[in-house]
Amino acid sequence: MYPEGTLAGLMASLDEEPSLHFRARPPGTRDAVLAALAQEGVAAEAVPCAPDALRER
């Protein structure tokens, strides 16, 4: 059993669209990929804890 209110929060999180995460390749090109995405109008940001990883905003 879950504590009161926990199950409702878990179920609500399943209704959210997950964000897209991906890695820039070759390694070390994350800033260039971010710039190219921005030029195309795609909102993305670096993932601080994962080298070369990006996520949509």
PDB file of N, CA and C in Angstrom:
ATOM      1  N   MET A   1       0.833  -1.191   0.000  1.00  0.00           N
ATOM      2  CA  MET A   1       0.000   0.000   0.000  1.00  0.00           C
ATOM      3  C   MET A   1       0.881   1.259   0.000  1.00  0.00           C
ATOM      4  N   TYR A   2       0.384   2.282  -0.645  1.00  0.00           N
ATOM      5  CA  TYR A   2       1.079   3.563  -0.679  1.00  0.00           C
ATOM      6  C   TYR A   2       0.487   4.495   0.372  1.00  0.00           C
ATOM      7  N   PRO A   3       1.295   5.425   0.905  1.00  0.00           N
ATOM      8  CA  PRO A   3       0.752   6.425   1.826  1.00  0.00           C
ATOM      9  C   PRO A   3      -0.307   7.282   1.128  1.00  0.00           C
ATOM     10  N   GLU A   4      -1.194   7.848   1.909  1.00  0.00           N
ATOM     11  CA  GLU A   4      -2.277   8.709   1.393  1.00  0.00           C
ATOM     12  C   GLU A   4      -1.711   9.784   0.473  1.00  0.00           C
ATOM     13  N   GLY A   5      -2.273   9.938  -0.691  1.00  0.00           N
ATOM     14  CA  GLY A   5      -1.862  10.976  -1.633  1.00  0.00           C
ATOM     15  C   GLY A   5      -0.756  10.558  -2.585  1.00  0.00           C
ATOM     16  N   THR A   6       0.012   9.542  -2.244  1.00  0.00           N
ATOM     17  CA  THR A   6       1.120   9.113  -3.101  1.00  0.00           C
ATOM     18  C   THR A   6       0.618   8.513  -4.403  1.00  0.00           C
ATOM     19  N   LEU A   7      -0.367   7.661  -4.314  1.00  0.00           N
ATOM     20  CA  LEU A   7      -0.885   6.997  -5.514  1.00  0.00           C
ATOM     21  C   LEU A   7      -1.464   8.005  -6.502  1.00  0.00           C
ATOM     22  N   ALA A   8      -2.160   9.020  -5.998  1.00  0.00           N
ATOM     23  CA  ALA A   8      -2.722  10.044  -6.891  1.00  0.00           C
ATOM     24  C   ALA A   8      -1.607  10.765  -7.646  1.00  0.00           C
ATOM     25  N   GLY A   9      -0.509  11.081  -6.972  1.00  0.00           N
ATOM     26  CA  GLY A   9       0.631  11.730  -7.619  1.00  0.00           C
ATOM     27  C   GLY A   9       1.285  10.849  -8.661  1.00  0.00           C
ATOM     28  N   LEU A  10       1.422   9.570  -8.342  1.00  0.00           N
ATOM     29  CA  LEU A  10       2.000   8.632  -9.304  1.00  0.00           C
ATOM     30  C   LEU A  10       1.128   8.503 -10.549  1.00  0.00           C
ATOM     31  N   MET A  11      -0.163   8.395 -10.352  1.00  0.00           N
ATOM     32  CA  MET A  11      -1.088   8.268 -11.482  1.00  0.00           C
ATOM     33  C   MET A  11      -1.095   9.548 -12.332  1.00  0.00           C
ATOM     34  N   ALA A  12      -1.030  10.706 -11.694  1.00  0.00           N
ATOM     35  CA  ALA A  12      -1.003  11.972 -12.429  1.00  0.00           C
ATOM     36  C   ALA A  12       0.264  12.071 -13.285  1.00  0.00           C
ATOM     37  N   SER A  13       1.391  11.575 -12.788  1.00  0.00           N
ATOM     38  CA  SER A  13       2.639  11.651 -13.558  1.00  0.00           C
ATOM     39  C   SER A  13       2.566  10.790 -14.819  1.00  0.00           C
ATOM     40  N   LEU A  14       1.743   9.749 -14.813  1.00  0.00           N
ATOM     41  CA  LEU A  14       1.593   8.915 -16.000  1.00  0.00           C
ATOM     42  C   LEU A  14       0.809   9.617 -17.106  1.00  0.00           C
ATOM     43  N   ASP A  15       0.099  10.688 -16.772  1.00  0.00           N
ATOM     44  CA  ASP A  15      -0.667  11.444 -17.761  1.00  0.00           C
ATOM     45  C   ASP A  15       0.166  12.515 -18.459  1.00  0.00           C
ATOM     46  N   GLU A  16       1.419  12.703 -18.053  1.00  0.00           N
ATOM     47  CA  GLU A  16       2.281  13.726 -18.635  1.00  0.00           C
ATOM     48  C   GLU A  16       3.094  13.155 -19.790  1.00  0.00           C
ATOM     49  N   GLU A  17       3.281  13.943 -20.813  1.00  0.00           N
ATOM     50  CA  GLU A  17       4.120  13.547 -21.947  1.00  0.00           C
ATOM     51  C   GLU A  17       5.588  13.637 -21.505  1.00  0.00           C
ATOM     52  N   PRO A  18       6.370  12.580 -21.642  1.00  0.00           N
ATOM     53  CA  PRO A  18       7.776  12.642 -21.231  1.00  0.00           C
ATOM     54  C   PRO A  18       8.583  13.528 -22.184  1.00  0.00           C
ATOM     55  N   SER A  19       9.621  14.141 -21.654  1.00  0.00           N
ATOM     56  CA  SER A  19      10.490  14.950 -22.507  1.00  0.00           C
ATOM     57  C   SER A  19      11.442  14.036 -23.277  1.00  0.00           C
ATOM     58  N   LEU A  20      11.889  14.521 -24.413  1.00  0.00           N
ATOM     59  CA  LEU A  20      12.814  13.775 -25.259  1.00  0.00           C
ATOM     60  C   LEU A  20      14.240  14.050 -24.792  1.00  0.00           C
ATOM     61  N   HIS A  21      14.999  13.009 -24.539  1.00  0.00           N
ATOM     62  CA  HIS A  21      16.415  13.108 -24.173  1.00  0.00           C
ATOM     63  C   HIS A  21      17.223  12.421 -25.259  1.00  0.00           C
ATOM     64  N   PHE A  22      18.358  13.021 -25.616  1.00  0.00           N
ATOM     65  CA  PHE A  22      19.222  12.394 -26.615  1.00  0.00           C
ATOM     66  C   PHE A  22      20.651  12.861 -26.427  1.00  0.00           C
ATOM     67  N   ARG A  23      21.578  12.183 -27.056  1.00  0.00           N
ATOM     68  CA  ARG A  23      23.000  12.510 -26.967  1.00  0.00           C
ATOM     69  C   ARG A  23      23.484  13.103 -28.280  1.00  0.00           C
ATOM     70  N   ALA A  24      24.325  14.111 -28.168  1.00  0.00           N
ATOM     71  CA  ALA A  24      24.957  14.719 -29.340  1.00  0.00           C
ATOM     72  C   ALA A  24      26.171  13.873 -29.720  1.00  0.00           C
ATOM     73  N   ARG A  25      26.268  13.541 -30.983  1.00  0.00           N
ATOM     74  CA  ARG A  25      27.400  12.755 -31.477  1.00  0.00           C
ATOM     75  C   ARG A  25      28.000  13.432 -32.675  1.00  0.00           C
ATOM     76  N   PRO A  26      29.294  13.451 -32.884  1.00  0.00           N
ATOM     77  CA  PRO A  26      30.302  12.844 -32.030  1.00  0.00           C
ATOM     78  C   PRO A  26      30.419  13.585 -30.703  1.00  0.00           C
ATOM     79  N   PRO A  27      31.006  12.944 -29.698  1.00  0.00           N
ATOM     80  CA  PRO A  27      31.174  13.583 -28.394  1.00  0.00           C
ATOM     81  C   PRO A  27      31.847  14.946 -28.521  1.00  0.00           C
ATOM     82  N   GLY A  28      31.423  15.877 -27.699  1.00  0.00           N
ATOM     83  CA  GLY A  28      32.016  17.216 -27.704  1.00  0.00           C
ATOM     84  C   GLY A  28      31.315  18.198 -28.625  1.00  0.00           C
ATOM     85  N   THR A  29      30.234  17.785 -29.278  1.00  0.00           N
ATOM     86  CA  THR A  29      29.539  18.673 -30.211  1.00  0.00           C
ATOM     87  C   THR A  29      28.216  19.206 -29.651  1.00  0.00           C
ATOM     88  N   ARG A  30      27.985  19.034 -28.348  1.00  0.00           N
ATOM     89  CA  ARG A  30      26.701  19.421 -27.761  1.00  0.00           C
ATOM     90  C   ARG A  30      26.362  20.884 -28.017  1.00  0.00           C
ATOM     91  N   ASP A  31      27.306  21.795 -27.844  1.00  0.00           N
ATOM     92  CA  ASP A  31      27.014  23.217 -28.060  1.00  0.00           C
ATOM     93  C   ASP A  31      26.647  23.505 -29.514  1.00  0.00           C
ATOM     94  N   ALA A  32      27.320  22.850 -30.440  1.00  0.00           N
ATOM     95  CA  ALA A  32      27.001  23.037 -31.858  1.00  0.00           C
ATOM     96  C   ALA A  32      25.613  22.495 -32.177  1.00  0.00           C
ATOM     97  N   VAL A  33      25.269  21.351 -31.599  1.00  0.00           N
ATOM     98  CA  VAL A  33      23.936  20.773 -31.823  1.00  0.00           C
ATOM     99  C   VAL A  33      22.865  21.677 -31.217  1.00  0.00           C
ATOM    100  N   LEU A  34      23.115  22.205 -30.013  1.00  0.00           N
ATOM    101  CA  LEU A  34      22.162  23.140 -29.396  1.00  0.00           C
ATOM    102  C   LEU A  34      21.946  24.364 -30.278  1.00  0.00           C
ATOM    103  N   ALA A  35      23.019  24.908 -30.830  1.00  0.00           N
ATOM    104  CA  ALA A  35      22.910  26.078 -31.698  1.00  0.00           C
ATOM    105  C   ALA A  35      22.112  25.750 -32.964  1.00  0.00           C
ATOM    106  N   ALA A  36      22.365  24.589 -33.554  1.00  0.00           N
ATOM    107  CA  ALA A  36      21.634  24.190 -34.760  1.00  0.00           C
ATOM    108  C   ALA A  36      20.154  23.982 -34.461  1.00  0.00           C
ATOM    109  N   LEU A  37      19.849  23.382 -33.324  1.00  0.00           N
ATOM    110  CA  LEU A  37      18.453  23.196 -32.936  1.00  0.00           C
ATOM    111  C   LEU A  37      17.762  24.545 -32.723  1.00  0.00           C
ATOM    112  N   ALA A  38      18.456  25.478 -32.079  1.00  0.00           N
ATOM    113  CA  ALA A  38      17.889  26.807 -31.845  1.00  0.00           C
ATOM    114  C   ALA A  38      17.585  27.509 -33.159  1.00  0.00           C
ATOM    115  N   GLN A  39      18.463  27.375 -34.150  1.00  0.00           N
ATOM    116  CA  GLN A  39      18.230  27.981 -35.467  1.00  0.00           C
ATOM    117  C   GLN A  39      16.988  27.404 -36.134  1.00  0.00           C
ATOM    118  N   GLU A  40      16.673  26.153 -35.823  1.00  0.00           N
ATOM    119  CA  GLU A  40      15.501  25.495 -36.391  1.00  0.00           C
ATOM    120  C   GLU A  40      14.247  25.718 -35.545  1.00  0.00           C
ATOM    121  N   GLY A  41      14.398  26.464 -34.445  1.00  0.00           N
ATOM    122  CA  GLY A  41      13.255  26.751 -33.591  1.00  0.00           C
ATOM    123  C   GLY A  41      12.923  25.655 -32.600  1.00  0.00           C
ATOM    124  N   VAL A  42      13.858  24.766 -32.351  1.00  0.00           N
ATOM    125  CA  VAL A  42      13.652  23.676 -31.405  1.00  0.00           C
ATOM    126  C   VAL A  42      14.227  24.086 -30.054  1.00  0.00           C
ATOM    127  N   ALA A  43      13.394  24.095 -29.023  1.00  0.00           N
ATOM    128  CA  ALA A  43      13.840  24.464 -27.677  1.00  0.00           C
ATOM    129  C   ALA A  43      14.463  23.245 -27.012  1.00  0.00           C
ATOM    130  N   ALA A  44      15.741  23.337 -26.684  1.00  0.00           N
ATOM    131  CA  ALA A  44      16.455  22.244 -26.032  1.00  0.00           C
ATOM    132  C   ALA A  44      17.438  22.839 -25.043  1.00  0.00           C
ATOM    133  N   GLU A  45      17.892  21.994 -24.123  1.00  0.00           N
ATOM    134  CA  GLU A  45      18.877  22.442 -23.132  1.00  0.00           C
ATOM    135  C   GLU A  45      19.828  21.297 -22.832  1.00  0.00           C
ATOM    136  N   ALA A  46      21.010  21.651 -22.336  1.00  0.00           N
ATOM    137  CA  ALA A  46      21.994  20.651 -21.948  1.00  0.00           C
ATOM    138  C   ALA A  46      21.540  19.978 -20.659  1.00  0.00           C
ATOM    139  N   VAL A  47      21.869  18.704 -20.516  1.00  0.00           N
ATOM    140  CA  VAL A  47      21.615  17.971 -19.277  1.00  0.00           C
ATOM    141  C   VAL A  47      22.919  18.015 -18.481  1.00  0.00           C
ATOM    142  N   PRO A  48      22.933  18.744 -17.366  1.00  0.00           N
ATOM    143  CA  PRO A  48      24.189  18.974 -16.645  1.00  0.00           C
ATOM    144  C   PRO A  48      24.903  17.703 -16.166  1.00  0.00           C
ATOM    145  N   CYS A  49      24.172  16.689 -15.785  1.00  0.00           N
ATOM    146  CA  CYS A  49      24.802  15.497 -15.198  1.00  0.00           C
ATOM    147  C   CYS A  49      25.184  14.436 -16.224  1.00  0.00           C
ATOM    148  N   ALA A  50      24.957  14.697 -17.519  1.00  0.00           N
ATOM    149  CA  ALA A  50      25.268  13.691 -18.544  1.00  0.00           C
ATOM    150  C   ALA A  50      26.015  14.366 -19.703  1.00  0.00           C
ATOM    151  N   PRO A  51      27.279  14.039 -19.870  1.00  0.00           N
ATOM    152  CA  PRO A  51      28.059  14.647 -20.947  1.00  0.00           C
ATOM    153  C   PRO A  51      27.426  14.413 -22.311  1.00  0.00           C
ATOM    154  N   ASP A  52      27.334  15.460 -23.089  1.00  0.00           N
ATOM    155  CA  ASP A  52      26.799  15.435 -24.454  1.00  0.00           C
ATOM    156  C   ASP A  52      25.305  15.129 -24.535  1.00  0.00           C
ATOM    157  N   ALA A  53      24.592  15.130 -23.406  1.00  0.00           N
ATOM    158  CA  ALA A  53      23.149  14.871 -23.425  1.00  0.00           C
ATOM    159  C   ALA A  53      22.371  16.162 -23.547  1.00  0.00           C
ATOM    160  N   LEU A  54      21.243  16.077 -24.236  1.00  0.00           N
ATOM    161  CA  LEU A  54      20.327  17.206 -24.427  1.00  0.00           C
ATOM    162  C   LEU A  54      18.919  16.734 -24.102  1.00  0.00           C
ATOM    163  N   ARG A  55      18.033  17.688 -23.798  1.00  0.00           N
ATOM    164  CA  ARG A  55      16.626  17.363 -23.616  1.00  0.00           C
ATOM    165  C   ARG A  55      15.793  18.494 -24.179  1.00  0.00           C
ATOM    166  N   GLU A  56      14.640  18.144 -24.708  1.00  0.00           N
ATOM    167  CA  GLU A  56      13.734  19.168 -25.215  1.00  0.00           C
ATOM    168  C   GLU A  56      13.147  19.916 -24.026  1.00  0.00           C
ATOM    169  N   ARG A  57      12.765  21.178 -24.280  1.00  0.00           N
ATOM    170  CA  ARG A  57      12.121  21.957 -23.219  1.00  0.00           C
ATOM    171  C   ARG A  57      10.667  22.113 -23.539  1.00  0.00           C
TER     172      ARG A  57
END
